[in-house]
Amino acid sequence: MFGYSAGVINSYIWNRAWTFRSVGGGKKQFVRFLAVNLCSLIVTIMMLHGFREMFPIVLNKMIATISGMAINWIGSRMWVFSTKSVS
């Protein structure tokens, strides 16, 4: 839990500063980032559980990881760090 939390905080800092070059946002932006990451985590866990019988474990993990990354990037781009969404 500590490692995941540290990773999310690190991800927020680098995404805000480097990937999306966001200025401002504050607590509202961070809460949105947490919400996107929580959704990504839930979808990833559901996929790992739901596809465990369908695909070999390596393929299952690859599909879940790529899906989680896509959810995080799209959510961050369209909602968290969008210039329209931050007030």
PDB file of N, CA and C in Angstrom:
ATOM      1  N   MET A   1       0.827  -1.190   0.000  1.00  0.00           N
ATOM      2  CA  MET A   1       0.000   0.000   0.000  1.00  0.00           C
ATOM      3  C   MET A   1       0.877   1.262   0.000  1.00  0.00           C
ATOM      4  N   PHE A   2       1.915   1.249   0.814  1.00  0.00           N
ATOM      5  CA  PHE A   2       2.806   2.403   0.871  1.00  0.00           C
ATOM      6  C   PHE A   2       3.499   2.616  -0.469  1.00  0.00           C
ATOM      7  N   GLY A   3       3.961   1.535  -1.060  1.00  0.00           N
ATOM      8  CA  GLY A   3       4.647   1.630  -2.347  1.00  0.00           C
ATOM      9  C   GLY A   3       3.732   2.153  -3.439  1.00  0.00           C
ATOM     10  N   TYR A   4       2.495   1.674  -3.483  1.00  0.00           N
ATOM     11  CA  TYR A   4       1.538   2.138  -4.486  1.00  0.00           C
ATOM     12  C   TYR A   4       1.242   3.623  -4.278  1.00  0.00           C
ATOM     13  N   SER A   5       1.041   4.022  -3.032  1.00  0.00           N
ATOM     14  CA  SER A   5       0.767   5.431  -2.712  1.00  0.00           C
ATOM     15  C   SER A   5       1.937   6.327  -3.111  1.00  0.00           C
ATOM     16  N   ALA A   6       3.145   5.883  -2.816  1.00  0.00           N
ATOM     17  CA  ALA A   6       4.331   6.655  -3.197  1.00  0.00           C
ATOM     18  C   ALA A   6       4.435   6.762  -4.717  1.00  0.00           C
ATOM     19  N   GLY A   7       4.093   5.688  -5.408  1.00  0.00           N
ATOM     20  CA  GLY A   7       4.117   5.709  -6.865  1.00  0.00           C
ATOM     21  C   GLY A   7       3.102   6.671  -7.454  1.00  0.00           C
ATOM     22  N   VAL A   8       1.902   6.720  -6.867  1.00  0.00           N
ATOM     23  CA  VAL A   8       0.865   7.639  -7.349  1.00  0.00           C
ATOM     24  C   VAL A   8       1.299   9.088  -7.130  1.00  0.00           C
ATOM     25  N   ILE A   9       1.858   9.383  -5.974  1.00  0.00           N
ATOM     26  CA  ILE A   9       2.321  10.749  -5.700  1.00  0.00           C
ATOM     27  C   ILE A   9       3.445  11.128  -6.661  1.00  0.00           C
ATOM     28  N   ASN A  10       4.383  10.234  -6.862  1.00  0.00           N
ATOM     29  CA  ASN A  10       5.477  10.465  -7.804  1.00  0.00           C
ATOM     30  C   ASN A  10       4.929  10.679  -9.215  1.00  0.00           C
ATOM     31  N   SER A  11       3.971   9.867  -9.604  1.00  0.00           N
ATOM     32  CA  SER A  11       3.355   9.989 -10.919  1.00  0.00           C
ATOM     33  C   SER A  11       2.656  11.337 -11.083  1.00  0.00           C
ATOM     34  N   TYR A  12       1.947  11.775 -10.055  1.00  0.00           N
ATOM     35  CA  TYR A  12       1.275  13.079 -10.110  1.00  0.00           C
ATOM     36  C   TYR A  12       2.291  14.203 -10.315  1.00  0.00           C
ATOM     37  N   ILE A  13       3.341  14.178  -9.528  1.00  0.00           N
ATOM     38  CA  ILE A  13       4.363  15.239  -9.613  1.00  0.00           C
ATOM     39  C   ILE A  13       4.963  15.297 -11.011  1.00  0.00           C
ATOM     40  N   TRP A  14       5.377  14.144 -11.557  1.00  0.00           N
ATOM     41  CA  TRP A  14       6.027  14.138 -12.871  1.00  0.00           C
ATOM     42  C   TRP A  14       5.052  14.403 -14.004  1.00  0.00           C
ATOM     43  N   ASN A  15       3.838  13.861 -13.914  1.00  0.00           N
ATOM     44  CA  ASN A  15       2.848  14.141 -14.959  1.00  0.00           C
ATOM     45  C   ASN A  15       2.480  15.613 -14.989  1.00  0.00           C
ATOM     46  N   ARG A  16       2.316  16.200 -13.807  1.00  0.00           N
ATOM     47  CA  ARG A  16       1.953  17.617 -13.718  1.00  0.00           C
ATOM     48  C   ARG A  16       3.075  18.500 -14.269  1.00  0.00           C
ATOM     49  N   ALA A  17       4.307  18.200 -13.897  1.00  0.00           N
ATOM     50  CA  ALA A  17       5.431  19.053 -14.273  1.00  0.00           C
ATOM     51  C   ALA A  17       5.954  18.787 -15.680  1.00  0.00           C
ATOM     52  N   TRP A  18       6.007  17.529 -16.080  1.00  0.00           N
ATOM     53  CA  TRP A  18       6.720  17.198 -17.308  1.00  0.00           C
ATOM     54  C   TRP A  18       5.795  16.751 -18.440  1.00  0.00           C
ATOM     55  N   THR A  19       4.948  15.765 -18.194  1.00  0.00           N
ATOM     56  CA  THR A  19       4.128  15.213 -19.267  1.00  0.00           C
ATOM     57  C   THR A  19       3.096  16.214 -19.767  1.00  0.00           C
ATOM     58  N   PHE A  20       2.328  16.804 -18.829  1.00  0.00           N
ATOM     59  CA  PHE A  20       1.243  17.699 -19.220  1.00  0.00           C
ATOM     60  C   PHE A  20       1.561  19.172 -18.983  1.00  0.00           C
ATOM     61  N   ARG A  21       2.706  19.469 -18.368  1.00  0.00           N
ATOM     62  CA  ARG A  21       3.156  20.846 -18.112  1.00  0.00           C
ATOM     63  C   ARG A  21       2.030  21.732 -17.576  1.00  0.00           C
ATOM     64  N   SER A  22       1.413  21.236 -16.522  1.00  0.00           N
ATOM     65  CA  SER A  22       0.274  21.917 -15.928  1.00  0.00           C
ATOM     66  C   SER A  22       0.723  22.966 -14.914  1.00  0.00           C
ATOM     67  N   VAL A  23       0.035  24.079 -14.916  1.00  0.00           N
ATOM     68  CA  VAL A  23       0.301  25.147 -13.962  1.00  0.00           C
ATOM     69  C   VAL A  23      -0.969  25.331 -13.133  1.00  0.00           C
ATOM     70  N   GLY A  24      -0.818  25.417 -11.826  1.00  0.00           N
ATOM     71  CA  GLY A  24      -1.988  25.583 -10.964  1.00  0.00           C
ATOM     72  C   GLY A  24      -2.689  24.260 -10.734  1.00  0.00           C
ATOM     73  N   GLY A  25      -3.937  24.331 -10.363  1.00  0.00           N
ATOM     74  CA  GLY A  25      -4.718  23.114 -10.166  1.00  0.00           C
ATOM     75  C   GLY A  25      -4.930  22.796  -8.710  1.00  0.00           C
ATOM     76  N   GLY A  26      -3.850  22.718  -7.962  1.00  0.00           N
ATOM     77  CA  GLY A  26      -3.928  22.502  -6.526  1.00  0.00           C
ATOM     78  C   GLY A  26      -4.590  21.207  -6.099  1.00  0.00           C
ATOM     79  N   LYS A  27      -5.328  21.293  -4.990  1.00  0.00           N
ATOM     80  CA  LYS A  27      -5.924  20.106  -4.373  1.00  0.00           C
ATOM     81  C   LYS A  27      -6.972  19.454  -5.273  1.00  0.00           C
ATOM     82  N   LYS A  28      -7.755  20.250  -5.979  1.00  0.00           N
ATOM     83  CA  LYS A  28      -8.791  19.709  -6.862  1.00  0.00           C
ATOM     84  C   LYS A  28      -8.166  18.832  -7.948  1.00  0.00           C
ATOM     85  N   GLN A  29      -7.077  19.276  -8.494  1.00  0.00           N
ATOM     86  CA  GLN A  29      -6.379  18.514  -9.524  1.00  0.00           C
ATOM     87  C   GLN A  29      -5.835  17.205  -8.960  1.00  0.00           C
ATOM     88  N   PHE A  30      -5.268  17.261  -7.759  1.00  0.00           N
ATOM     89  CA  PHE A  30      -4.724  16.056  -7.143  1.00  0.00           C
ATOM     90  C   PHE A  30      -5.836  15.054  -6.830  1.00  0.00           C
ATOM     91  N   VAL A  31      -6.985  15.527  -6.361  1.00  0.00           N
ATOM     92  CA  VAL A  31      -8.114  14.633  -6.075  1.00  0.00           C
ATOM     93  C   VAL A  31      -8.598  13.974  -7.363  1.00  0.00           C
ATOM     94  N   ARG A  32      -8.651  14.729  -8.438  1.00  0.00           N
ATOM     95  CA  ARG A  32      -9.029  14.147  -9.731  1.00  0.00           C
ATOM     96  C   ARG A  32      -8.022  13.090 -10.170  1.00  0.00           C
ATOM     97  N   PHE A  33      -6.738  13.381  -9.955  1.00  0.00           N
ATOM     98  CA  PHE A  33      -5.694  12.416 -10.303  1.00  0.00           C
ATOM     99  C   PHE A  33      -5.864  11.124  -9.507  1.00  0.00           C
ATOM    100  N   LEU A  34      -6.166  11.258  -8.222  1.00  0.00           N
ATOM    101  CA  LEU A  34      -6.417  10.078  -7.392  1.00  0.00           C
ATOM    102  C   LEU A  34      -7.620   9.292  -7.892  1.00  0.00           C
ATOM    103  N   ALA A  35      -8.676   9.987  -8.290  1.00  0.00           N
ATOM    104  CA  ALA A  35      -9.876   9.319  -8.794  1.00  0.00           C
ATOM    105  C   ALA A  35      -9.566   8.533 -10.069  1.00  0.00           C
ATOM    106  N   VAL A  36      -8.813   9.127 -10.974  1.00  0.00           N
ATOM    107  CA  VAL A  36      -8.439   8.433 -12.215  1.00  0.00           C
ATOM    108  C   VAL A  36      -7.595   7.205 -11.899  1.00  0.00           C
ATOM    109  N   ASN A  37      -6.650   7.343 -10.983  1.00  0.00           N
ATOM    110  CA  ASN A  37      -5.802   6.210 -10.623  1.00  0.00           C
ATOM    111  C   ASN A  37      -6.587   5.113  -9.925  1.00  0.00           C
ATOM    112  N   LEU A  38      -7.558   5.479  -9.110  1.00  0.00           N
ATOM    113  CA  LEU A  38      -8.411   4.485  -8.464  1.00  0.00           C
ATOM    114  C   LEU A  38      -9.230   3.720  -9.498  1.00  0.00           C
ATOM    115  N   CYS A  39      -9.789   4.439 -10.471  1.00  0.00           N
ATOM    116  CA  CYS A  39     -10.539   3.775 -11.548  1.00  0.00           C
ATOM    117  C   CYS A  39      -9.635   2.816 -12.322  1.00  0.00           C
ATOM    118  N   SER A  40      -8.444   3.266 -12.625  1.00  0.00           N
ATOM    119  CA  SER A  40      -7.486   2.425 -13.339  1.00  0.00           C
ATOM    120  C   SER A  40      -7.140   1.169 -12.535  1.00  0.00           C
ATOM    121  N   LEU A  41      -6.925   1.340 -11.237  1.00  0.00           N
ATOM    122  CA  LEU A  41      -6.617   0.198 -10.372  1.00  0.00           C
ATOM    123  C   LEU A  41      -7.774  -0.800 -10.354  1.00  0.00           C
ATOM    124  N   ILE A  42      -8.988  -0.306 -10.228  1.00  0.00           N
ATOM    125  CA  ILE A  42     -10.162  -1.183 -10.178  1.00  0.00           C
ATOM    126  C   ILE A  42     -10.321  -1.951 -11.487  1.00  0.00           C
ATOM    127  N   VAL A  43     -10.193  -1.253 -12.609  1.00  0.00           N
ATOM    128  CA  VAL A  43     -10.316  -1.916 -13.906  1.00  0.00           C
ATOM    129  C   VAL A  43      -9.214  -2.955 -14.084  1.00  0.00           C
ATOM    130  N   THR A  44      -8.004  -2.620 -13.706  1.00  0.00           N
ATOM    131  CA  THR A  44      -6.886  -3.554 -13.828  1.00  0.00           C
ATOM    132  C   THR A  44      -7.120  -4.816 -12.998  1.00  0.00           C
ATOM    133  N   ILE A  45      -7.551  -4.645 -11.766  1.00  0.00           N
ATOM    134  CA  ILE A  45      -7.821  -5.801 -10.898  1.00  0.00           C
ATOM    135  C   ILE A  45      -8.957  -6.640 -11.469  1.00  0.00           C
ATOM    136  N   MET A  46     -10.009  -5.978 -11.959  1.00  0.00           N
ATOM    137  CA  MET A  46     -11.137  -6.719 -12.539  1.00  0.00           C
ATOM    138  C   MET A  46     -10.705  -7.506 -13.772  1.00  0.00           C
ATOM    139  N   MET A  47      -9.852  -6.900 -14.594  1.00  0.00           N
ATOM    140  CA  MET A  47      -9.374  -7.598 -15.785  1.00  0.00           C
ATOM    141  C   MET A  47      -8.489  -8.786 -15.409  1.00  0.00           C
ATOM    142  N   LEU A  48      -7.600  -8.590 -14.449  1.00  0.00           N
ATOM    143  CA  LEU A  48      -6.742  -9.696 -14.016  1.00  0.00           C
ATOM    144  C   LEU A  48      -7.575 -10.853 -13.487  1.00  0.00           C
ATOM    145  N   HIS A  49      -8.595 -10.529 -12.747  1.00  0.00           N
ATOM    146  CA  HIS A  49      -9.468 -11.570 -12.187  1.00  0.00           C
ATOM    147  C   HIS A  49     -10.363 -12.184 -13.272  1.00  0.00           C
ATOM    148  N   GLY A  50     -10.967 -11.330 -14.101  1.00  0.00           N
ATOM    149  CA  GLY A  50     -11.923 -11.806 -15.094  1.00  0.00           C
ATOM    150  C   GLY A  50     -11.315 -12.605 -16.233  1.00  0.00           C
ATOM    151  N   PHE A  51     -10.085 -12.276 -16.606  1.00  0.00           N
ATOM    152  CA  PHE A  51      -9.445 -12.939 -17.743  1.00  0.00           C
ATOM    153  C   PHE A  51      -8.506 -14.072 -17.336  1.00  0.00           C
ATOM    154  N   ARG A  52      -8.461 -14.411 -16.064  1.00  0.00           N
ATOM    155  CA  ARG A  52      -7.468 -15.398 -15.616  1.00  0.00           C
ATOM    156  C   ARG A  52      -7.657 -16.768 -16.242  1.00  0.00           C
ATOM    157  N   GLU A  53      -8.878 -17.124 -16.609  1.00  0.00           N
ATOM    158  CA  GLU A  53      -9.146 -18.424 -17.230  1.00  0.00           C
ATOM    159  C   GLU A  53      -9.025 -18.359 -18.754  1.00  0.00           C
ATOM    160  N   MET A  54      -9.137 -17.160 -19.320  1.00  0.00           N
ATOM    161  CA  MET A  54      -9.170 -17.015 -20.782  1.00  0.00           C
ATOM    162  C   MET A  54      -7.794 -16.958 -21.422  1.00  0.00           C
ATOM    163  N   PHE A  55      -6.863 -16.284 -20.756  1.00  0.00           N
ATOM    164  CA  PHE A  55      -5.547 -16.036 -21.357  1.00  0.00           C
ATOM    165  C   PHE A  55      -4.450 -16.553 -20.444  1.00  0.00           C
ATOM    166  N   PRO A  56      -3.290 -16.845 -21.012  1.00  0.00           N
ATOM    167  CA  PRO A  56      -2.135 -17.151 -20.162  1.00  0.00           C
ATOM    168  C   PRO A  56      -1.823 -15.932 -19.287  1.00  0.00           C
ATOM    169  N   ILE A  57      -1.239 -16.158 -18.127  1.00  0.00           N
ATOM    170  CA  ILE A  57      -1.021 -15.098 -17.148  1.00  0.00           C
ATOM    171  C   ILE A  57      -0.212 -13.932 -17.712  1.00  0.00           C
ATOM    172  N   VAL A  58       0.790 -14.216 -18.521  1.00  0.00           N
ATOM    173  CA  VAL A  58       1.627 -13.151 -19.074  1.00  0.00           C
ATOM    174  C   VAL A  58       0.797 -12.253 -19.999  1.00  0.00           C
ATOM    175  N   LEU A  59      -0.004 -12.847 -20.856  1.00  0.00           N
ATOM    176  CA  LEU A  59      -0.849 -12.070 -21.757  1.00  0.00           C
ATOM    177  C   LEU A  59      -1.902 -11.301 -20.965  1.00  0.00           C
ATOM    178  N   ASN A  60      -2.483 -11.939 -19.972  1.00  0.00           N
ATOM    179  CA  ASN A  60      -3.464 -11.294 -19.108  1.00  0.00           C
ATOM    180  C   ASN A  60      -2.865 -10.056 -18.446  1.00  0.00           C
ATOM    181  N   LYS A  61      -1.673 -10.174 -17.901  1.00  0.00           N
ATOM    182  CA  LYS A  61      -1.012  -9.031 -17.257  1.00  0.00           C
ATOM    183  C   LYS A  61      -0.679  -7.938 -18.260  1.00  0.00           C
ATOM    184  N   MET A  62      -0.283  -8.318 -19.473  1.00  0.00           N
ATOM    185  CA  MET A  62       0.016  -7.321 -20.501  1.00  0.00           C
ATOM    186  C   MET A  62      -1.246  -6.545 -20.875  1.00  0.00           C
ATOM    187  N   ILE A  63      -2.348  -7.238 -21.078  1.00  0.00           N
ATOM    188  CA  ILE A  63      -3.616  -6.589 -21.437  1.00  0.00           C
ATOM    189  C   ILE A  63      -4.066  -5.658 -20.316  1.00  0.00           C
ATOM    190  N   ALA A  64      -4.011  -6.130 -19.080  1.00  0.00           N
ATOM    191  CA  ALA A  64      -4.444  -5.318 -17.935  1.00  0.00           C
ATOM    192  C   ALA A  64      -3.540  -4.099 -17.756  1.00  0.00           C
ATOM    193  N   THR A  65      -2.246  -4.272 -17.911  1.00  0.00           N
ATOM    194  CA  THR A  65      -1.306  -3.162 -17.751  1.00  0.00           C
ATOM    195  C   THR A  65      -1.507  -2.099 -18.825  1.00  0.00           C
ATOM    196  N   ILE A  66      -1.628  -2.515 -20.062  1.00  0.00           N
ATOM    197  CA  ILE A  66      -1.839  -1.558 -21.152  1.00  0.00           C
ATOM    198  C   ILE A  66      -3.177  -0.842 -20.982  1.00  0.00           C
ATOM    199  N   SER A  67      -4.194  -1.560 -20.560  1.00  0.00           N
ATOM    200  CA  SER A  67      -5.501  -0.942 -20.318  1.00  0.00           C
ATOM    201  C   SER A  67      -5.419   0.088 -19.194  1.00  0.00           C
ATOM    202  N   GLY A  68      -4.744  -0.260 -18.110  1.00  0.00           N
ATOM    203  CA  GLY A  68      -4.571   0.671 -16.996  1.00  0.00           C
ATOM    204  C   GLY A  68      -3.806   1.916 -17.408  1.00  0.00           C
ATOM    205  N   MET A  69      -2.769   1.731 -18.202  1.00  0.00           N
ATOM    206  CA  MET A  69      -1.992   2.878 -18.689  1.00  0.00           C
ATOM    207  C   MET A  69      -2.851   3.785 -19.564  1.00  0.00           C
ATOM    208  N   ALA A  70      -3.668   3.181 -20.422  1.00  0.00           N
ATOM    209  CA  ALA A  70      -4.537   3.964 -21.301  1.00  0.00           C
ATOM    210  C   ALA A  70      -5.560   4.757 -20.491  1.00  0.00           C
ATOM    211  N   ILE A  71      -6.164   4.128 -19.503  1.00  0.00           N
ATOM    212  CA  ILE A  71      -7.135   4.822 -18.647  1.00  0.00           C
ATOM    213  C   ILE A  71      -6.463   5.989 -17.938  1.00  0.00           C
ATOM    214  N   ASN A  72      -5.289   5.757 -17.382  1.00  0.00           N
ATOM    215  CA  ASN A  72      -4.568   6.827 -16.699  1.00  0.00           C
ATOM    216  C   ASN A  72      -4.234   7.986 -17.631  1.00  0.00           C
ATOM    217  N   TRP A  73      -3.717   7.686 -18.812  1.00  0.00           N
ATOM    218  CA  TRP A  73      -3.314   8.759 -19.717  1.00  0.00           C
ATOM    219  C   TRP A  73      -4.520   9.539 -20.225  1.00  0.00           C
ATOM    220  N   ILE A  74      -5.545   8.825 -20.673  1.00  0.00           N
ATOM    221  CA  ILE A  74      -6.734   9.503 -21.201  1.00  0.00           C
ATOM    222  C   ILE A  74      -7.413  10.320 -20.099  1.00  0.00           C
ATOM    223  N   GLY A  75      -7.566   9.733 -18.923  1.00  0.00           N
ATOM    224  CA  GLY A  75      -8.177  10.461 -17.809  1.00  0.00           C
ATOM    225  C   GLY A  75      -7.372  11.681 -17.412  1.00  0.00           C
ATOM    226  N   SER A  76      -6.069  11.536 -17.378  1.00  0.00           N
ATOM    227  CA  SER A  76      -5.203  12.668 -17.028  1.00  0.00           C
ATOM    228  C   SER A  76      -5.269  13.749 -18.092  1.00  0.00           C
ATOM    229  N   ARG A  77      -5.217  13.352 -19.337  1.00  0.00           N
ATOM    230  CA  ARG A  77      -5.220  14.321 -20.450  1.00  0.00           C
ATOM    231  C   ARG A  77      -6.554  15.045 -20.570  1.00  0.00           C
ATOM    232  N   MET A  78      -7.654  14.295 -20.451  1.00  0.00           N
ATOM    233  CA  MET A  78      -8.972  14.870 -20.715  1.00  0.00           C
ATOM    234  C   MET A  78      -9.628  15.514 -19.494  1.00  0.00           C
ATOM    235  N   TRP A  79      -9.236  15.088 -18.285  1.00  0.00           N
ATOM    236  CA  TRP A  79      -9.946  15.563 -17.105  1.00  0.00           C
ATOM    237  C   TRP A  79      -9.034  16.206 -16.060  1.00  0.00           C
ATOM    238  N   VAL A  80      -7.968  15.516 -15.689  1.00  0.00           N
ATOM    239  CA  VAL A  80      -7.119  15.999 -14.591  1.00  0.00           C
ATOM    240  C   VAL A  80      -6.326  17.232 -14.990  1.00  0.00           C
ATOM    241  N   PHE A  81      -5.578  17.149 -16.073  1.00  0.00           N
ATOM    242  CA  PHE A  81      -4.687  18.229 -16.470  1.00  0.00           C
ATOM    243  C   PHE A  81      -5.212  19.041 -17.645  1.00  0.00           C
ATOM    244  N   SER A  82      -6.475  18.881 -17.982  1.00  0.00           N
ATOM    245  CA  SER A  82      -7.076  19.654 -19.047  1.00  0.00           C
ATOM    246  C   SER A  82      -7.124  21.133 -18.653  1.00  0.00           C
ATOM    247  N   THR A  83      -6.804  21.989 -19.587  1.00  0.00           N
ATOM    248  CA  THR A  83      -6.842  23.427 -19.278  1.00  0.00           C
ATOM    249  C   THR A  83      -8.277  23.894 -19.066  1.00  0.00           C
ATOM    250  N   LYS A  84      -9.254  23.170 -19.592  1.00  0.00           N
ATOM    251  CA  LYS A  84     -10.663  23.525 -19.406  1.00  0.00           C
ATOM    252  C   LYS A  84     -11.181  23.106 -18.046  1.00  0.00           C
ATOM    253  N   SER A  85     -10.647  22.007 -17.467  1.00  0.00           N
ATOM    254  CA  SER A  85     -11.230  21.437 -16.256  1.00  0.00           C
ATOM    255  C   SER A  85     -10.704  22.053 -14.974  1.00  0.00           C
ATOM    256  N   VAL A  86      -9.540  22.677 -15.004  1.00  0.00           N
ATOM    257  CA  VAL A  86      -8.948  23.216 -13.787  1.00  0.00           C
ATOM    258  C   VAL A  86      -9.414  24.651 -13.601  1.00  0.00           C
ATOM    259  N   SER A  87      -9.986  24.916 -12.437  1.00  0.00           N
ATOM    260  CA  SER A  87     -10.443  26.274 -12.178  1.00  0.00           C
ATOM    261  C   SER A  87      -9.832  26.823 -10.917  1.00  0.00           C
TER     262      SER A  87
END
